[in-house]
Every structure is written in C-alpha cells, then in structure tokens.
Amino acid sequence: MEYMGIERDRLHMSWVSSAEATKFIDVVTQVTEAVRALGPNKHFVKQQAKVA
C-alpha cells in the first residue's frame, strides 16, 4: 500500500463476527478516528484549478 502512496495506518483489517455488533462499532470508531487524525492523503487530493 505504501508503494501506491497509501500510509500504513489508513488500512485496517479485523475479524468481526456478525454476532459482534459492539466490536464492529468499536473497530469502525477506532479506524475512523485514526484516519481522520492523519488528515487528507497528499497523493490523492485533487488540486484546485487556477483561474486565469
């Protein structure tokens, strides 16, 4: 992923059973907070068009 310009902390894999709704919510919350803390990925931010 790093080769493609995606930081290691932007990808998370976790095994959650369909019976573990609480764990799913916790995992999603943790990953969302971690990615938001990283801010926008510099490689995939669209540049604003310059007005002449």
PDB file of N, CA and C in Angstrom:
ATOM      1  N   MET A   1       0.817  -1.182   0.000  1.00  0.00           N
ATOM      2  CA  MET A   1       0.000   0.000   0.000  1.00  0.00           C
ATOM      3  C   MET A   1       0.872   1.262   0.000  1.00  0.00           C
ATOM      4  N   GLU A   2       1.956   1.221   0.751  1.00  0.00           N
ATOM      5  CA  GLU A   2       2.823   2.394   0.793  1.00  0.00           C
ATOM      6  C   GLU A   2       3.412   2.692  -0.584  1.00  0.00           C
ATOM      7  N   TYR A   3       3.669   1.658  -1.363  1.00  0.00           N
ATOM      8  CA  TYR A   3       4.190   1.838  -2.714  1.00  0.00           C
ATOM      9  C   TYR A   3       3.214   2.653  -3.559  1.00  0.00           C
ATOM     10  N   MET A   4       1.919   2.478  -3.290  1.00  0.00           N
ATOM     11  CA  MET A   4       0.873   3.185  -4.036  1.00  0.00           C
ATOM     12  C   MET A   4       0.557   4.552  -3.436  1.00  0.00           C
ATOM     13  N   GLY A   5       1.228   4.925  -2.331  1.00  0.00           N
ATOM     14  CA  GLY A   5       1.013   6.233  -1.737  1.00  0.00           C
ATOM     15  C   GLY A   5      -0.026   6.231  -0.626  1.00  0.00           C
ATOM     16  N   ILE A   6      -0.353   5.067  -0.113  1.00  0.00           N
ATOM     17  CA  ILE A   6      -1.327   4.975   0.967  1.00  0.00           C
ATOM     18  C   ILE A   6      -0.581   4.604   2.242  1.00  0.00           C
ATOM     19  N   GLU A   7      -0.691   5.471   3.258  1.00  0.00           N
ATOM     20  CA  GLU A   7       0.014   5.222   4.511  1.00  0.00           C
ATOM     21  C   GLU A   7      -0.495   3.948   5.165  1.00  0.00           C
ATOM     22  N   ARG A   8       0.373   3.282   5.882  1.00  0.00           N
ATOM     23  CA  ARG A   8       0.059   2.011   6.534  1.00  0.00           C
ATOM     24  C   ARG A   8      -1.113   2.147   7.510  1.00  0.00           C
ATOM     25  N   ASP A   9      -1.219   3.287   8.188  1.00  0.00           N
ATOM     26  CA  ASP A   9      -2.276   3.483   9.191  1.00  0.00           C
ATOM     27  C   ASP A   9      -3.660   3.710   8.584  1.00  0.00           C
ATOM     28  N   ARG A  10      -3.749   3.850   7.257  1.00  0.00           N
ATOM     29  CA  ARG A  10      -5.051   4.044   6.616  1.00  0.00           C
ATOM     30  C   ARG A  10      -5.753   2.727   6.296  1.00  0.00           C
ATOM     31  N   LEU A  11      -5.066   1.632   6.483  1.00  0.00           N
ATOM     32  CA  LEU A  11      -5.635   0.326   6.194  1.00  0.00           C
ATOM     33  C   LEU A  11      -5.699  -0.479   7.482  1.00  0.00           C
ATOM     34  N   HIS A  12      -6.842  -1.065   7.745  1.00  0.00           N
ATOM     35  CA  HIS A  12      -7.002  -1.864   8.952  1.00  0.00           C
ATOM     36  C   HIS A  12      -7.825  -3.096   8.604  1.00  0.00           C
ATOM     37  N   MET A  13      -7.376  -4.232   9.070  1.00  0.00           N
ATOM     38  CA  MET A  13      -8.137  -5.460   8.854  1.00  0.00           C
ATOM     39  C   MET A  13      -8.436  -6.064  10.217  1.00  0.00           C
ATOM     40  N   SER A  14      -9.670  -6.479  10.408  1.00  0.00           N
ATOM     41  CA  SER A  14     -10.077  -7.046  11.681  1.00  0.00           C
ATOM     42  C   SER A  14     -11.164  -8.080  11.425  1.00  0.00           C
ATOM     43  N   TRP A  15     -11.118  -9.169  12.165  1.00  0.00           N
ATOM     44  CA  TRP A  15     -12.147 -10.189  12.045  1.00  0.00           C
ATOM     45  C   TRP A  15     -13.238  -9.884  13.050  1.00  0.00           C
ATOM     46  N   VAL A  16     -14.456  -9.681  12.546  1.00  0.00           N
ATOM     47  CA  VAL A  16     -15.596  -9.405  13.410  1.00  0.00           C
ATOM     48  C   VAL A  16     -16.729 -10.312  12.963  1.00  0.00           C
ATOM     49  N   SER A  17     -17.239 -11.071  13.891  1.00  0.00           N
ATOM     50  CA  SER A  17     -18.361 -11.959  13.601  1.00  0.00           C
ATOM     51  C   SER A  17     -19.643 -11.145  13.466  1.00  0.00           C
ATOM     52  N   SER A  18     -20.607 -11.683  12.748  1.00  0.00           N
ATOM     53  CA  SER A  18     -21.895 -10.998  12.614  1.00  0.00           C
ATOM     54  C   SER A  18     -22.621 -10.895  13.948  1.00  0.00           C
ATOM     55  N   ALA A  19     -22.212 -11.683  14.928  1.00  0.00           N
ATOM     56  CA  ALA A  19     -22.821 -11.638  16.257  1.00  0.00           C
ATOM     57  C   ALA A  19     -22.139 -10.614  17.173  1.00  0.00           C
ATOM     58  N   GLU A  20     -21.102  -9.919  16.661  1.00  0.00           N
ATOM     59  CA  GLU A  20     -20.341  -8.980  17.483  1.00  0.00           C
ATOM     60  C   GLU A  20     -20.579  -7.531  17.055  1.00  0.00           C
ATOM     61  N   ALA A  21     -21.802  -7.097  17.193  1.00  0.00           N
ATOM     62  CA  ALA A  21     -22.148  -5.735  16.773  1.00  0.00           C
ATOM     63  C   ALA A  21     -21.356  -4.692  17.553  1.00  0.00           C
ATOM     64  N   THR A  22     -21.201  -4.899  18.832  1.00  0.00           N
ATOM     65  CA  THR A  22     -20.465  -3.943  19.662  1.00  0.00           C
ATOM     66  C   THR A  22     -19.009  -3.854  19.228  1.00  0.00           C
ATOM     67  N   LYS A  23     -18.393  -4.992  18.931  1.00  0.00           N
ATOM     68  CA  LYS A  23     -17.000  -4.992  18.468  1.00  0.00           C
ATOM     69  C   LYS A  23     -16.899  -4.273  17.127  1.00  0.00           C
ATOM     70  N   PHE A  24     -17.857  -4.487  16.238  1.00  0.00           N
ATOM     71  CA  PHE A  24     -17.855  -3.822  14.934  1.00  0.00           C
ATOM     72  C   PHE A  24     -17.882  -2.308  15.112  1.00  0.00           C
ATOM     73  N   ILE A  25     -18.751  -1.836  15.984  1.00  0.00           N
ATOM     74  CA  ILE A  25     -18.851  -0.396  16.237  1.00  0.00           C
ATOM     75  C   ILE A  25     -17.529   0.138  16.784  1.00  0.00           C
ATOM     76  N   ASP A  26     -16.914  -0.599  17.700  1.00  0.00           N
ATOM     77  CA  ASP A  26     -15.638  -0.174  18.279  1.00  0.00           C
ATOM     78  C   ASP A  26     -14.537  -0.108  17.228  1.00  0.00           C
ATOM     79  N   VAL A  27     -14.462  -1.112  16.378  1.00  0.00           N
ATOM     80  CA  VAL A  27     -13.426  -1.153  15.330  1.00  0.00           C
ATOM     81  C   VAL A  27     -13.621   0.000  14.346  1.00  0.00           C
ATOM     82  N   VAL A  28     -14.847   0.210  13.907  1.00  0.00           N
ATOM     83  CA  VAL A  28     -15.124   1.293  12.949  1.00  0.00           C
ATOM     84  C   VAL A  28     -14.790   2.645  13.577  1.00  0.00           C
ATOM     85  N   THR A  29     -15.156   2.838  14.823  1.00  0.00           N
ATOM     86  CA  THR A  29     -14.871   4.098  15.505  1.00  0.00           C
ATOM     87  C   THR A  29     -13.370   4.336  15.624  1.00  0.00           C
ATOM     88  N   GLN A  30     -12.617   3.313  16.013  1.00  0.00           N
ATOM     89  CA  GLN A  30     -11.168   3.451  16.160  1.00  0.00           C
ATOM     90  C   GLN A  30     -10.488   3.754  14.826  1.00  0.00           C
ATOM     91  N   VAL A  31     -10.887   3.045  13.791  1.00  0.00           N
ATOM     92  CA  VAL A  31     -10.278   3.253  12.476  1.00  0.00           C
ATOM     93  C   VAL A  31     -10.625   4.645  11.940  1.00  0.00           C
ATOM     94  N   THR A  32     -11.869   5.044  12.104  1.00  0.00           N
ATOM     95  CA  THR A  32     -12.296   6.366  11.636  1.00  0.00           C
ATOM     96  C   THR A  32     -11.508   7.468  12.337  1.00  0.00           C
ATOM     97  N   GLU A  33     -11.345   7.369  13.647  1.00  0.00           N
ATOM     98  CA  GLU A  33     -10.581   8.369  14.393  1.00  0.00           C
ATOM     99  C   GLU A  33      -9.126   8.399  13.949  1.00  0.00           C
ATOM    100  N   ALA A  34      -8.540   7.233  13.722  1.00  0.00           N
ATOM    101  CA  ALA A  34      -7.140   7.166  13.297  1.00  0.00           C
ATOM    102  C   ALA A  34      -6.936   7.798  11.925  1.00  0.00           C
ATOM    103  N   VAL A  35      -7.833   7.521  10.998  1.00  0.00           N
ATOM    104  CA  VAL A  35      -7.702   8.068   9.644  1.00  0.00           C
ATOM    105  C   VAL A  35      -7.956   9.575   9.646  1.00  0.00           C
ATOM    106  N   ARG A  36      -8.929  10.019  10.405  1.00  0.00           N
ATOM    107  CA  ARG A  36      -9.175  11.471  10.491  1.00  0.00           C
ATOM    108  C   ARG A  36      -7.974  12.197  11.090  1.00  0.00           C
ATOM    109  N   ALA A  37      -7.316  11.575  12.066  1.00  0.00           N
ATOM    110  CA  ALA A  37      -6.139  12.186  12.681  1.00  0.00           C
ATOM    111  C   ALA A  37      -4.995  12.326  11.671  1.00  0.00           C
ATOM    112  N   LEU A  38      -4.930  11.436  10.704  1.00  0.00           N
ATOM    113  CA  LEU A  38      -3.893  11.515   9.668  1.00  0.00           C
ATOM    114  C   LEU A  38      -4.136  12.670   8.703  1.00  0.00           C
ATOM    115  N   GLY A  39      -5.390  13.054   8.547  1.00  0.00           N
ATOM    116  CA  GLY A  39      -5.727  14.115   7.599  1.00  0.00           C
ATOM    117  C   GLY A  39      -5.800  13.572   6.191  1.00  0.00           C
ATOM    118  N   PRO A  40      -5.997  14.451   5.220  1.00  0.00           N
ATOM    119  CA  PRO A  40      -6.108  14.003   3.828  1.00  0.00           C
ATOM    120  C   PRO A  40      -4.814  13.355   3.334  1.00  0.00           C
ATOM    121  N   ASN A  41      -4.972  12.358   2.497  1.00  0.00           N
ATOM    122  CA  ASN A  41      -3.822  11.715   1.877  1.00  0.00           C
ATOM    123  C   ASN A  41      -3.309  12.653   0.785  1.00  0.00           C
ATOM    124  N   LYS A  42      -2.072  13.057   0.915  1.00  0.00           N
ATOM    125  CA  LYS A  42      -1.494  14.052  -0.004  1.00  0.00           C
ATOM    126  C   LYS A  42      -1.445  13.576  -1.452  1.00  0.00           C
ATOM    127  N   HIS A  43      -1.373  12.270  -1.669  1.00  0.00           N
ATOM    128  CA  HIS A  43      -1.262  11.748  -3.029  1.00  0.00           C
ATOM    129  C   HIS A  43      -2.592  11.750  -3.778  1.00  0.00           C
ATOM    130  N   PHE A  44      -3.696  11.826  -3.052  1.00  0.00           N
ATOM    131  CA  PHE A  44      -4.995  11.704  -3.697  1.00  0.00           C
ATOM    132  C   PHE A  44      -5.870  12.940  -3.519  1.00  0.00           C
ATOM    133  N   VAL A  45      -5.277  14.069  -3.169  1.00  0.00           N
ATOM    134  CA  VAL A  45      -6.015  15.314  -3.024  1.00  0.00           C
ATOM    135  C   VAL A  45      -6.041  15.998  -4.366  1.00  0.00           C
ATOM    136  N   LYS A  46      -7.240  16.332  -4.826  1.00  0.00           N
ATOM    137  CA  LYS A  46      -7.389  16.993  -6.107  1.00  0.00           C
ATOM    138  C   LYS A  46      -6.906  18.429  -6.007  1.00  0.00           C
ATOM    139  N   GLN A  47      -6.083  18.835  -6.946  1.00  0.00           N
ATOM    140  CA  GLN A  47      -5.583  20.204  -6.965  1.00  0.00           C
ATOM    141  C   GLN A  47      -6.657  21.139  -7.516  1.00  0.00           C
ATOM    142  N   GLN A  48      -6.755  22.319  -6.917  1.00  0.00           N
ATOM    143  CA  GLN A  48      -7.705  23.315  -7.378  1.00  0.00           C
ATOM    144  C   GLN A  48      -7.230  23.899  -8.706  1.00  0.00           C
ATOM    145  N   ALA A  49      -8.152  24.077  -9.630  1.00  0.00           N
ATOM    146  CA  ALA A  49      -7.820  24.685 -10.920  1.00  0.00           C
ATOM    147  C   ALA A  49      -7.537  26.155 -10.729  1.00  0.00           C
ATOM    148  N   LYS A  50      -6.495  26.642 -11.360  1.00  0.00           N
ATOM    149  CA  LYS A  50      -6.149  28.060 -11.258  1.00  0.00           C
ATOM    150  C   LYS A  50      -6.979  28.848 -12.262  1.00  0.00           C
ATOM    151  N   VAL A  51      -7.526  29.955 -11.778  1.00  0.00           N
ATOM    152  CA  VAL A  51      -8.330  30.823 -12.643  1.00  0.00           C
ATOM    153  C   VAL A  51      -7.415  31.877 -13.226  1.00  0.00           C
ATOM    154  N   ALA A  52      -7.447  32.024 -14.554  1.00  0.00           N
ATOM    155  CA  ALA A  52      -6.556  32.972 -15.214  1.00  0.00           C
ATOM    156  C   ALA A  52      -7.093  34.357 -15.217  1.00  0.00           C
TER     157      ALA A  52
END
